[in-house]
Amino acid sequence: ILVMCDAYTPAGEPLPTNKRFNAAKIFSQSDVVAEEPWYGIEQEYT
């Protein structure tokens, strides 16, 4: 398996580069959950 992780200090604080932590808080808000937000991301690269 491949495992996507996010990173924390030993005290359990998210690192500044851990953008997932705040995103998870927003996506867990009841108003957001009720709206079932869908995303389609078009990733360009060279």
ModelCIF file with pLDDT and N, C-alpha, C, O atoms, coordinates in Angstrom:
data_MODEL
#
_entry.id   MODEL 
#
_entity.id                         1 
_entity.type                       polymer 
_entity.pdbx_number_of_molecules   1 
#
_entity_poly.entity_id                      1 
_entity_poly.type                           'polypeptide(L)' 
_entity_poly.nstd_linkage                   no 
_entity_poly.nstd_monomer                   no 
_entity_poly.pdbx_seq_one_letter_code       ILVMCDAYTPAGEPLPTNKRFNAAKIFSQSDVVAEEPWYGIEQEYT 
_entity_poly.pdbx_seq_one_letter_code_can   ILVMCDAYTPAGEPLPTNKRFNAAKIFSQSDVVAEEPWYGIEQEYT 
_entity_poly.pdbx_strand_id                 A 
#
loop_
_entity_poly_seq.entity_id 
_entity_poly_seq.num 
_entity_poly_seq.mon_id 
_entity_poly_seq.hetero 
1 1  ILE n 
1 2  LEU n 
1 3  VAL n 
1 4  MET n 
1 5  CYS n 
1 6  ASP n 
1 7  ALA n 
1 8  TYR n 
1 9  THR n 
1 10 PRO n 
1 11 ALA n 
1 12 GLY n 
1 13 GLU n 
1 14 PRO n 
1 15 LEU n 
1 16 PRO n 
1 17 THR n 
1 18 ASN n 
1 19 LYS n 
1 20 ARG n 
1 21 PHE n 
1 22 ASN n 
1 23 ALA n 
1 24 ALA n 
1 25 LYS n 
1 26 ILE n 
1 27 PHE n 
1 28 SER n 
1 29 GLN n 
1 30 SER n 
1 31 ASP n 
1 32 VAL n 
1 33 VAL n 
1 34 ALA n 
1 35 GLU n 
1 36 GLU n 
1 37 PRO n 
1 38 TRP n 
1 39 TYR n 
1 40 GLY n 
1 41 ILE n 
1 42 GLU n 
1 43 GLN n 
1 44 GLU n 
1 45 TYR n 
1 46 THR n 
#
_struct_asym.id          A 
_struct_asym.entity_id   1 
#
loop_
_ma_qa_metric.id 
_ma_qa_metric.mode 
_ma_qa_metric.name 
_ma_qa_metric.software_group_id 
_ma_qa_metric.type 
1 global pLDDT . pLDDT 
2 local  pLDDT . pLDDT 
#
_ma_qa_metric_global.metric_id      1 
_ma_qa_metric_global.metric_value   97.50 
_ma_qa_metric_global.model_id       1 
_ma_qa_metric_global.ordinal_id     1 
#
loop_
_ma_qa_metric_local.label_asym_id 
_ma_qa_metric_local.label_comp_id 
_ma_qa_metric_local.label_seq_id 
_ma_qa_metric_local.metric_id 
_ma_qa_metric_local.metric_value 
_ma_qa_metric_local.model_id 
_ma_qa_metric_local.ordinal_id 
A ILE 1  2 98.00 1 1  
A LEU 2  2 98.00 1 2  
A VAL 3  2 98.00 1 3  
A MET 4  2 98.00 1 4  
A CYS 5  2 98.00 1 5  
A ASP 6  2 97.00 1 6  
A ALA 7  2 97.00 1 7  
A TYR 8  2 97.00 1 8  
A THR 9  2 96.00 1 9  
A PRO 10 2 96.00 1 10 
A ALA 11 2 95.00 1 11 
A GLY 12 2 96.00 1 12 
A GLU 13 2 97.00 1 13 
A PRO 14 2 97.00 1 14 
A LEU 15 2 96.00 1 15 
A PRO 16 2 95.00 1 16 
A THR 17 2 95.00 1 17 
A ASN 18 2 97.00 1 18 
A LYS 19 2 98.00 1 19 
A ARG 20 2 98.00 1 20 
A PHE 21 2 98.00 1 21 
A ASN 22 2 98.00 1 22 
A ALA 23 2 98.00 1 23 
A ALA 24 2 98.00 1 24 
A LYS 25 2 98.00 1 25 
A ILE 26 2 98.00 1 26 
A PHE 27 2 98.00 1 27 
A SER 28 2 98.00 1 28 
A GLN 29 2 98.00 1 29 
A SER 30 2 98.00 1 30 
A ASP 31 2 98.00 1 31 
A VAL 32 2 98.00 1 32 
A VAL 33 2 98.00 1 33 
A ALA 34 2 98.00 1 34 
A GLU 35 2 98.00 1 35 
A GLU 36 2 98.00 1 36 
A PRO 37 2 98.00 1 37 
A TRP 38 2 98.00 1 38 
A TYR 39 2 98.00 1 39 
A GLY 40 2 98.00 1 40 
A ILE 41 2 98.00 1 41 
A GLU 42 2 98.00 1 42 
A GLN 43 2 98.00 1 43 
A GLU 44 2 98.00 1 44 
A TYR 45 2 98.00 1 45 
A THR 46 2 98.00 1 46 
#
loop_
_atom_site.group_PDB 
_atom_site.id 
_atom_site.type_symbol 
_atom_site.label_atom_id 
_atom_site.label_alt_id 
_atom_site.label_comp_id 
_atom_site.label_asym_id 
_atom_site.label_entity_id 
_atom_site.label_seq_id 
_atom_site.pdbx_PDB_ins_code 
_atom_site.Cartn_x 
_atom_site.Cartn_y 
_atom_site.Cartn_z 
_atom_site.occupancy 
_atom_site.B_iso_or_equiv 
_atom_site.pdbx_formal_charge 
_atom_site.auth_seq_id 
_atom_site.auth_comp_id 
_atom_site.auth_asym_id 
_atom_site.auth_atom_id 
_atom_site.pdbx_PDB_model_num 
ATOM 1   N N  . ILE A 1 1  ? 0.815   -1.214 0.000   1.00 98.00 ? 1  ILE A N  1 
ATOM 2   C CA . ILE A 1 1  ? 0.000   0.000  0.000   1.00 98.00 ? 1  ILE A CA 1 
ATOM 3   C C  . ILE A 1 1  ? 0.851   1.268  0.000   1.00 98.00 ? 1  ILE A C  1 
ATOM 4   O O  . ILE A 1 1  ? 2.010   1.270  0.415   1.00 98.00 ? 1  ILE A O  1 
ATOM 5   N N  . LEU A 1 2  ? 0.229   2.346  -0.483  1.00 98.00 ? 2  LEU A N  1 
ATOM 6   C CA . LEU A 1 2  ? 0.742   3.706  -0.354  1.00 98.00 ? 2  LEU A CA 1 
ATOM 7   C C  . LEU A 1 2  ? -0.126  4.411  0.683   1.00 98.00 ? 2  LEU A C  1 
ATOM 8   O O  . LEU A 1 2  ? -1.351  4.288  0.655   1.00 98.00 ? 2  LEU A O  1 
ATOM 9   N N  . VAL A 1 3  ? 0.500   5.144  1.590   1.00 98.00 ? 3  VAL A N  1 
ATOM 10  C CA . VAL A 1 3  ? -0.231  5.763  2.693   1.00 98.00 ? 3  VAL A CA 1 
ATOM 11  C C  . VAL A 1 3  ? 0.005   7.269  2.676   1.00 98.00 ? 3  VAL A C  1 
ATOM 12  O O  . VAL A 1 3  ? 1.133   7.723  2.867   1.00 98.00 ? 3  VAL A O  1 
ATOM 13  N N  . MET A 1 4  ? -1.054  8.045  2.449   1.00 98.00 ? 4  MET A N  1 
ATOM 14  C CA . MET A 1 4  ? -0.942  9.502  2.512   1.00 98.00 ? 4  MET A CA 1 
ATOM 15  C C  . MET A 1 4  ? -1.056  9.935  3.963   1.00 98.00 ? 4  MET A C  1 
ATOM 16  O O  . MET A 1 4  ? -2.024  9.611  4.650   1.00 98.00 ? 4  MET A O  1 
ATOM 17  N N  . CYS A 1 5  ? -0.043  10.678 4.421   1.00 98.00 ? 5  CYS A N  1 
ATOM 18  C CA . CYS A 1 5  ? 0.028   11.091 5.825   1.00 98.00 ? 5  CYS A CA 1 
ATOM 19  C C  . CYS A 1 5  ? 0.077   12.606 5.936   1.00 98.00 ? 5  CYS A C  1 
ATOM 20  O O  . CYS A 1 5  ? 0.406   13.299 4.973   1.00 98.00 ? 5  CYS A O  1 
ATOM 21  N N  . ASP A 1 6  ? -0.256  13.121 7.136   1.00 97.00 ? 6  ASP A N  1 
ATOM 22  C CA . ASP A 1 6  ? 0.085   14.502 7.444   1.00 97.00 ? 6  ASP A CA 1 
ATOM 23  C C  . ASP A 1 6  ? 0.971   14.512 8.693   1.00 97.00 ? 6  ASP A C  1 
ATOM 24  O O  . ASP A 1 6  ? 1.094   13.504 9.388   1.00 97.00 ? 6  ASP A O  1 
ATOM 25  N N  . ALA A 1 7  ? 1.589   15.678 8.967   1.00 97.00 ? 7  ALA A N  1 
ATOM 26  C CA . ALA A 1 7  ? 2.696   15.725 9.921   1.00 97.00 ? 7  ALA A CA 1 
ATOM 27  C C  . ALA A 1 7  ? 2.390   16.604 11.130  1.00 97.00 ? 7  ALA A C  1 
ATOM 28  O O  . ALA A 1 7  ? 1.774   17.663 11.008  1.00 97.00 ? 7  ALA A O  1 
ATOM 29  N N  . TYR A 1 8  ? 2.839   16.137 12.312  1.00 97.00 ? 8  TYR A N  1 
ATOM 30  C CA . TYR A 1 8  ? 2.568   16.799 13.587  1.00 97.00 ? 8  TYR A CA 1 
ATOM 31  C C  . TYR A 1 8  ? 3.815   16.789 14.464  1.00 97.00 ? 8  TYR A C  1 
ATOM 32  O O  . TYR A 1 8  ? 4.710   15.963 14.284  1.00 97.00 ? 8  TYR A O  1 
ATOM 33  N N  . THR A 1 9  ? 3.861   17.707 15.403  1.00 96.00 ? 9  THR A N  1 
ATOM 34  C CA . THR A 1 9  ? 4.893   17.663 16.431  1.00 96.00 ? 9  THR A CA 1 
ATOM 35  C C  . THR A 1 9  ? 4.577   16.505 17.385  1.00 96.00 ? 9  THR A C  1 
ATOM 36  O O  . THR A 1 9  ? 3.459   15.991 17.373  1.00 96.00 ? 9  THR A O  1 
ATOM 37  N N  . PRO A 1 10 ? 5.547   16.088 18.210  1.00 96.00 ? 10 PRO A N  1 
ATOM 38  C CA . PRO A 1 10 ? 5.257   15.036 19.197  1.00 96.00 ? 10 PRO A CA 1 
ATOM 39  C C  . PRO A 1 10 ? 4.129   15.424 20.162  1.00 96.00 ? 10 PRO A C  1 
ATOM 40  O O  . PRO A 1 10 ? 3.481   14.554 20.744  1.00 96.00 ? 10 PRO A O  1 
ATOM 41  N N  . ALA A 1 11 ? 3.898   16.730 20.327  1.00 95.00 ? 11 ALA A N  1 
ATOM 42  C CA . ALA A 1 11 ? 2.821   17.187 21.210  1.00 95.00 ? 11 ALA A CA 1 
ATOM 43  C C  . ALA A 1 11 ? 1.462   17.177 20.515  1.00 95.00 ? 11 ALA A C  1 
ATOM 44  O O  . ALA A 1 11 ? 0.445   17.488 21.136  1.00 95.00 ? 11 ALA A O  1 
ATOM 45  N N  . GLY A 1 12 ? 1.440   16.820 19.227  1.00 96.00 ? 12 GLY A N  1 
ATOM 46  C CA . GLY A 1 12 ? 0.181   16.727 18.510  1.00 96.00 ? 12 GLY A CA 1 
ATOM 47  C C  . GLY A 1 12 ? -0.246  17.985 17.785  1.00 96.00 ? 12 GLY A C  1 
ATOM 48  O O  . GLY A 1 12 ? -1.383  18.078 17.324  1.00 96.00 ? 12 GLY A O  1 
ATOM 49  N N  . GLU A 1 13 ? 0.665   18.973 17.674  1.00 97.00 ? 13 GLU A N  1 
ATOM 50  C CA . GLU A 1 13 ? 0.359   20.196 16.943  1.00 97.00 ? 13 GLU A CA 1 
ATOM 51  C C  . GLU A 1 13 ? 0.698   20.012 15.462  1.00 97.00 ? 13 GLU A C  1 
ATOM 52  O O  . GLU A 1 13 ? 1.774   19.506 15.145  1.00 97.00 ? 13 GLU A O  1 
ATOM 53  N N  . PRO A 1 14 ? -0.197  20.413 14.544  1.00 97.00 ? 14 PRO A N  1 
ATOM 54  C CA . PRO A 1 14 ? 0.118   20.279 13.111  1.00 97.00 ? 14 PRO A CA 1 
ATOM 55  C C  . PRO A 1 14 ? 1.273   21.188 12.730  1.00 97.00 ? 14 PRO A C  1 
ATOM 56  O O  . PRO A 1 14 ? 1.366   22.313 13.221  1.00 97.00 ? 14 PRO A O  1 
ATOM 57  N N  . LEU A 1 15 ? 2.155   20.711 11.859  1.00 96.00 ? 15 LEU A N  1 
ATOM 58  C CA . LEU A 1 15 ? 3.244   21.536 11.352  1.00 96.00 ? 15 LEU A CA 1 
ATOM 59  C C  . LEU A 1 15 ? 2.671   22.646 10.466  1.00 96.00 ? 15 LEU A C  1 
ATOM 60  O O  . LEU A 1 15 ? 1.572   22.491 9.933   1.00 96.00 ? 15 LEU A O  1 
ATOM 61  N N  . PRO A 1 16 ? 3.392   23.765 10.294  1.00 95.00 ? 16 PRO A N  1 
ATOM 62  C CA . PRO A 1 16 ? 2.909   24.821 9.403   1.00 95.00 ? 16 PRO A CA 1 
ATOM 63  C C  . PRO A 1 16 ? 2.644   24.335 7.979   1.00 95.00 ? 16 PRO A C  1 
ATOM 64  O O  . PRO A 1 16 ? 1.769   24.868 7.297   1.00 95.00 ? 16 PRO A O  1 
ATOM 65  N N  . THR A 1 17 ? 3.392   23.328 7.527   1.00 95.00 ? 17 THR A N  1 
ATOM 66  C CA . THR A 1 17 ? 3.193   22.786 6.177   1.00 95.00 ? 17 THR A CA 1 
ATOM 67  C C  . THR A 1 17 ? 2.030   21.801 6.105   1.00 95.00 ? 17 THR A C  1 
ATOM 68  O O  . THR A 1 17 ? 1.688   21.323 5.024   1.00 95.00 ? 17 THR A O  1 
ATOM 69  N N  . ASN A 1 18 ? 1.426   21.499 7.244   1.00 97.00 ? 18 ASN A N  1 
ATOM 70  C CA . ASN A 1 18 ? 0.298   20.568 7.264   1.00 97.00 ? 18 ASN A CA 1 
ATOM 71  C C  . ASN A 1 18 ? -0.993  21.329 6.959   1.00 97.00 ? 18 ASN A C  1 
ATOM 72  O O  . ASN A 1 18 ? -1.698  21.763 7.870   1.00 97.00 ? 18 ASN A O  1 
ATOM 73  N N  . LYS A 1 19 ? -1.292  21.483 5.678   1.00 98.00 ? 19 LYS A N  1 
ATOM 74  C CA . LYS A 1 19 ? -2.498  22.186 5.258   1.00 98.00 ? 19 LYS A CA 1 
ATOM 75  C C  . LYS A 1 19 ? -3.739  21.305 5.375   1.00 98.00 ? 19 LYS A C  1 
ATOM 76  O O  . LYS A 1 19 ? -4.865  21.803 5.343   1.00 98.00 ? 19 LYS A O  1 
ATOM 77  N N  . ARG A 1 20 ? -3.534  20.008 5.510   1.00 98.00 ? 20 ARG A N  1 
ATOM 78  C CA . ARG A 1 20 ? -4.672  19.097 5.607   1.00 98.00 ? 20 ARG A CA 1 
ATOM 79  C C  . ARG A 1 20 ? -5.452  19.304 6.897   1.00 98.00 ? 20 ARG A C  1 
ATOM 80  O O  . ARG A 1 20 ? -6.676  19.170 6.914   1.00 98.00 ? 20 ARG A O  1 
ATOM 81  N N  . PHE A 1 21 ? -4.746  19.633 7.982   1.00 98.00 ? 21 PHE A N  1 
ATOM 82  C CA . PHE A 1 21 ? -5.383  19.753 9.296   1.00 98.00 ? 21 PHE A CA 1 
ATOM 83  C C  . PHE A 1 21 ? -6.503  20.788 9.268   1.00 98.00 ? 21 PHE A C  1 
ATOM 84  O O  . PHE A 1 21 ? -7.627  20.493 9.674   1.00 98.00 ? 21 PHE A O  1 
ATOM 85  N N  . ASN A 1 22 ? -6.207  21.999 8.792   1.00 98.00 ? 22 ASN A N  1 
ATOM 86  C CA . ASN A 1 22 ? -7.236  23.043 8.733   1.00 98.00 ? 22 ASN A CA 1 
ATOM 87  C C  . ASN A 1 22 ? -8.313  22.720 7.710   1.00 98.00 ? 22 ASN A C  1 
ATOM 88  O O  . ASN A 1 22 ? -9.487  23.026 7.917   1.00 98.00 ? 22 ASN A O  1 
ATOM 89  N N  . ALA A 1 23 ? -7.907  22.094 6.595   1.00 98.00 ? 23 ALA A N  1 
ATOM 90  C CA . ALA A 1 23 ? -8.896  21.706 5.587   1.00 98.00 ? 23 ALA A CA 1 
ATOM 91  C C  . ALA A 1 23 ? -9.903  20.718 6.175   1.00 98.00 ? 23 ALA A C  1 
ATOM 92  O O  . ALA A 1 23 ? -11.103 20.826 5.924   1.00 98.00 ? 23 ALA A O  1 
ATOM 93  N N  . ALA A 1 24 ? -9.413  19.761 6.953   1.00 98.00 ? 24 ALA A N  1 
ATOM 94  C CA . ALA A 1 24 ? -10.302 18.766 7.553   1.00 98.00 ? 24 ALA A CA 1 
ATOM 95  C C  . ALA A 1 24 ? -11.295 19.427 8.509   1.00 98.00 ? 24 ALA A C  1 
ATOM 96  O O  . ALA A 1 24 ? -12.442 18.991 8.606   1.00 98.00 ? 24 ALA A O  1 
ATOM 97  N N  . LYS A 1 25 ? -10.870 20.464 9.207   1.00 98.00 ? 25 LYS A N  1 
ATOM 98  C CA . LYS A 1 25 ? -11.783 21.176 10.107  1.00 98.00 ? 25 LYS A CA 1 
ATOM 99  C C  . LYS A 1 25 ? -12.900 21.848 9.317   1.00 98.00 ? 25 LYS A C  1 
ATOM 100 O O  . LYS A 1 25 ? -14.058 21.823 9.734   1.00 98.00 ? 25 LYS A O  1 
ATOM 101 N N  . ILE A 1 26 ? -12.558 22.448 8.177   1.00 98.00 ? 26 ILE A N  1 
ATOM 102 C CA . ILE A 1 26 ? -13.584 23.095 7.346   1.00 98.00 ? 26 ILE A CA 1 
ATOM 103 C C  . ILE A 1 26 ? -14.545 22.055 6.772   1.00 98.00 ? 26 ILE A C  1 
ATOM 104 O O  . ILE A 1 26 ? -15.761 22.246 6.791   1.00 98.00 ? 26 ILE A O  1 
ATOM 105 N N  . PHE A 1 27 ? -13.993 20.955 6.264   1.00 98.00 ? 27 PHE A N  1 
ATOM 106 C CA . PHE A 1 27 ? -14.844 19.944 5.629   1.00 98.00 ? 27 PHE A CA 1 
ATOM 107 C C  . PHE A 1 27 ? -15.699 19.168 6.635   1.00 98.00 ? 27 PHE A C  1 
ATOM 108 O O  . PHE A 1 27 ? -16.648 18.486 6.247   1.00 98.00 ? 27 PHE A O  1 
ATOM 109 N N  . SER A 1 28 ? -15.367 19.270 7.917   1.00 98.00 ? 28 SER A N  1 
ATOM 110 C CA . SER A 1 28 ? -16.171 18.582 8.930   1.00 98.00 ? 28 SER A CA 1 
ATOM 111 C C  . SER A 1 28 ? -17.285 19.464 9.496   1.00 98.00 ? 28 SER A C  1 
ATOM 112 O O  . SER A 1 28 ? -18.109 18.989 10.277  1.00 98.00 ? 28 SER A O  1 
ATOM 113 N N  . GLN A 1 29 ? -17.321 20.758 9.106   1.00 98.00 ? 29 GLN A N  1 
ATOM 114 C CA . GLN A 1 29 ? -18.401 21.639 9.545   1.00 98.00 ? 29 GLN A CA 1 
ATOM 115 C C  . GLN A 1 29 ? -19.732 21.118 9.012   1.00 98.00 ? 29 GLN A C  1 
ATOM 116 O O  . GLN A 1 29 ? -19.820 20.690 7.861   1.00 98.00 ? 29 GLN A O  1 
ATOM 117 N N  . SER A 1 30 ? -20.757 21.155 9.844   1.00 98.00 ? 30 SER A N  1 
ATOM 118 C CA . SER A 1 30 ? -22.042 20.551 9.472   1.00 98.00 ? 30 SER A CA 1 
ATOM 119 C C  . SER A 1 30 ? -22.635 21.173 8.202   1.00 98.00 ? 30 SER A C  1 
ATOM 120 O O  . SER A 1 30 ? -23.215 20.464 7.380   1.00 98.00 ? 30 SER A O  1 
ATOM 121 N N  . ASP A 1 31 ? -22.492 22.494 8.038   1.00 98.00 ? 31 ASP A N  1 
ATOM 122 C CA . ASP A 1 31 ? -23.035 23.143 6.844   1.00 98.00 ? 31 ASP A CA 1 
ATOM 123 C C  . ASP A 1 31 ? -22.317 22.671 5.577   1.00 98.00 ? 31 ASP A C  1 
ATOM 124 O O  . ASP A 1 31 ? -22.931 22.543 4.517   1.00 98.00 ? 31 ASP A O  1 
ATOM 125 N N  . VAL A 1 32 ? -21.018 22.415 5.697   1.00 98.00 ? 32 VAL A N  1 
ATOM 126 C CA . VAL A 1 32 ? -20.245 21.926 4.549   1.00 98.00 ? 32 VAL A CA 1 
ATOM 127 C C  . VAL A 1 32 ? -20.589 20.475 4.259   1.00 98.00 ? 32 VAL A C  1 
ATOM 128 O O  . VAL A 1 32 ? -20.772 20.098 3.101   1.00 98.00 ? 32 VAL A O  1 
ATOM 129 N N  . VAL A 1 33 ? -20.678 19.660 5.303   1.00 98.00 ? 33 VAL A N  1 
ATOM 130 C CA . VAL A 1 33 ? -21.039 18.245 5.135   1.00 98.00 ? 33 VAL A CA 1 
ATOM 131 C C  . VAL A 1 33 ? -22.389 18.129 4.428   1.00 98.00 ? 33 VAL A C  1 
ATOM 132 O O  . VAL A 1 33 ? -22.557 17.293 3.540   1.00 98.00 ? 33 VAL A O  1 
ATOM 133 N N  . ALA A 1 34 ? -23.338 18.956 4.816   1.00 98.00 ? 34 ALA A N  1 
ATOM 134 C CA . ALA A 1 34 ? -24.685 18.897 4.233   1.00 98.00 ? 34 ALA A CA 1 
ATOM 135 C C  . ALA A 1 34 ? -24.678 19.247 2.749   1.00 98.00 ? 34 ALA A C  1 
ATOM 136 O O  . ALA A 1 34 ? -25.527 18.772 1.995   1.00 98.00 ? 34 ALA A O  1 
ATOM 137 N N  . GLU A 1 35 ? -23.721 20.079 2.325   1.00 98.00 ? 35 GLU A N  1 
ATOM 138 C CA . GLU A 1 35 ? -23.672 20.516 0.925   1.00 98.00 ? 35 GLU A CA 1 
ATOM 139 C C  . GLU A 1 35 ? -22.893 19.561 0.021   1.00 98.00 ? 35 GLU A C  1 
ATOM 140 O O  . GLU A 1 35 ? -22.900 19.734 -1.198  1.00 98.00 ? 35 GLU A O  1 
ATOM 141 N N  . GLU A 1 36 ? -22.234 18.571 0.583   1.00 98.00 ? 36 GLU A N  1 
ATOM 142 C CA . GLU A 1 36 ? -21.523 17.551 -0.197  1.00 98.00 ? 36 GLU A CA 1 
ATOM 143 C C  . GLU A 1 36 ? -20.689 18.171 -1.326  1.00 98.00 ? 36 GLU A C  1 
ATOM 144 O O  . GLU A 1 36 ? -20.986 17.932 -2.496  1.00 98.00 ? 36 GLU A O  1 
ATOM 145 N N  . PRO A 1 37 ? -19.665 18.953 -1.011  1.00 98.00 ? 37 PRO A N  1 
ATOM 146 C CA . PRO A 1 37 ? -18.878 19.616 -2.063  1.00 98.00 ? 37 PRO A CA 1 
ATOM 147 C C  . PRO A 1 37 ? -18.078 18.621 -2.894  1.00 98.00 ? 37 PRO A C  1 
ATOM 148 O O  . PRO A 1 37 ? -17.338 17.792 -2.365  1.00 98.00 ? 37 PRO A O  1 
ATOM 149 N N  . TRP A 1 38 ? -18.245 18.724 -4.201  1.00 98.00 ? 38 TRP A N  1 
ATOM 150 C CA . TRP A 1 38 ? -17.505 17.891 -5.147  1.00 98.00 ? 38 TRP A CA 1 
ATOM 151 C C  . TRP A 1 38 ? -16.443 18.733 -5.836  1.00 98.00 ? 38 TRP A C  1 
ATOM 152 O O  . TRP A 1 38 ? -16.637 19.919 -6.099  1.00 98.00 ? 38 TRP A O  1 
ATOM 153 N N  . TYR A 1 39 ? -15.319 18.093 -6.121  1.00 98.00 ? 39 TYR A N  1 
ATOM 154 C CA . TYR A 1 39 ? -14.220 18.773 -6.810  1.00 98.00 ? 39 TYR A CA 1 
ATOM 155 C C  . TYR A 1 39 ? -13.720 17.921 -7.974  1.00 98.00 ? 39 TYR A C  1 
ATOM 156 O O  . TYR A 1 39 ? -13.673 16.693 -7.906  1.00 98.00 ? 39 TYR A O  1 
ATOM 157 N N  . GLY A 1 40 ? -13.353 18.613 -9.031  1.00 98.00 ? 40 GLY A N  1 
ATOM 158 C CA . GLY A 1 40 ? -12.619 17.994 -10.131 1.00 98.00 ? 40 GLY A CA 1 
ATOM 159 C C  . GLY A 1 40 ? -11.435 18.894 -10.439 1.00 98.00 ? 40 GLY A C  1 
ATOM 160 O O  . GLY A 1 40 ? -11.616 20.027 -10.883 1.00 98.00 ? 40 GLY A O  1 
ATOM 161 N N  . ILE A 1 41 ? -10.232 18.403 -10.211 1.00 98.00 ? 41 ILE A N  1 
ATOM 162 C CA . ILE A 1 41 ? -9.031  19.234 -10.343 1.00 98.00 ? 41 ILE A CA 1 
ATOM 163 C C  . ILE A 1 41 ? -8.266  18.846 -11.607 1.00 98.00 ? 41 ILE A C  1 
ATOM 164 O O  . ILE A 1 41 ? -7.944  17.677 -11.819 1.00 98.00 ? 41 ILE A O  1 
ATOM 165 N N  . GLU A 1 42 ? -7.983  19.843 -12.439 1.00 98.00 ? 42 GLU A N  1 
ATOM 166 C CA . GLU A 1 42 ? -7.240  19.636 -13.681 1.00 98.00 ? 42 GLU A CA 1 
ATOM 167 C C  . GLU A 1 42 ? -5.767  20.000 -13.434 1.00 98.00 ? 42 GLU A C  1 
ATOM 168 O O  . GLU A 1 42 ? -5.394  21.172 -13.463 1.00 98.00 ? 42 GLU A O  1 
ATOM 169 N N  . GLN A 1 43 ? -4.959  18.998 -13.198 1.00 98.00 ? 43 GLN A N  1 
ATOM 170 C CA . GLN A 1 43 ? -3.557  19.225 -12.845 1.00 98.00 ? 43 GLN A CA 1 
ATOM 171 C C  . GLN A 1 43 ? -2.677  19.259 -14.086 1.00 98.00 ? 43 GLN A C  1 
ATOM 172 O O  . GLN A 1 43 ? -2.462  18.233 -14.731 1.00 98.00 ? 43 GLN A O  1 
ATOM 173 N N  . GLU A 1 44 ? -2.166  20.448 -14.420 1.00 98.00 ? 44 GLU A N  1 
ATOM 174 C CA . GLU A 1 44 ? -1.216  20.583 -15.518 1.00 98.00 ? 44 GLU A CA 1 
ATOM 175 C C  . GLU A 1 44 ? 0.209   20.456 -14.976 1.00 98.00 ? 44 GLU A C  1 
ATOM 176 O O  . GLU A 1 44 ? 0.481   20.803 -13.826 1.00 98.00 ? 44 GLU A O  1 
ATOM 177 N N  . TYR A 1 45 ? 1.105   19.957 -15.813 1.00 98.00 ? 45 TYR A N  1 
ATOM 178 C CA . TYR A 1 45 ? 2.499   19.787 -15.412 1.00 98.00 ? 45 TYR A CA 1 
ATOM 179 C C  . TYR A 1 45 ? 3.365   19.758 -16.655 1.00 98.00 ? 45 TYR A C  1 
ATOM 180 O O  . TYR A 1 45 ? 2.867   19.575 -17.766 1.00 98.00 ? 45 TYR A O  1 
ATOM 181 N N  . THR A 1 46 ? 4.668   19.941 -16.464 1.00 98.00 ? 46 THR A N  1 
ATOM 182 C CA . THR A 1 46 ? 5.603   19.944 -17.578 1.00 98.00 ? 46 THR A CA 1 
ATOM 183 C C  . THR A 1 46 ? 6.694   18.913 -17.334 1.00 98.00 ? 46 THR A C  1 
ATOM 184 O O  . THR A 1 46 ? 7.591   18.756 -18.162 1.00 98.00 ? 46 THR A O  1 
#
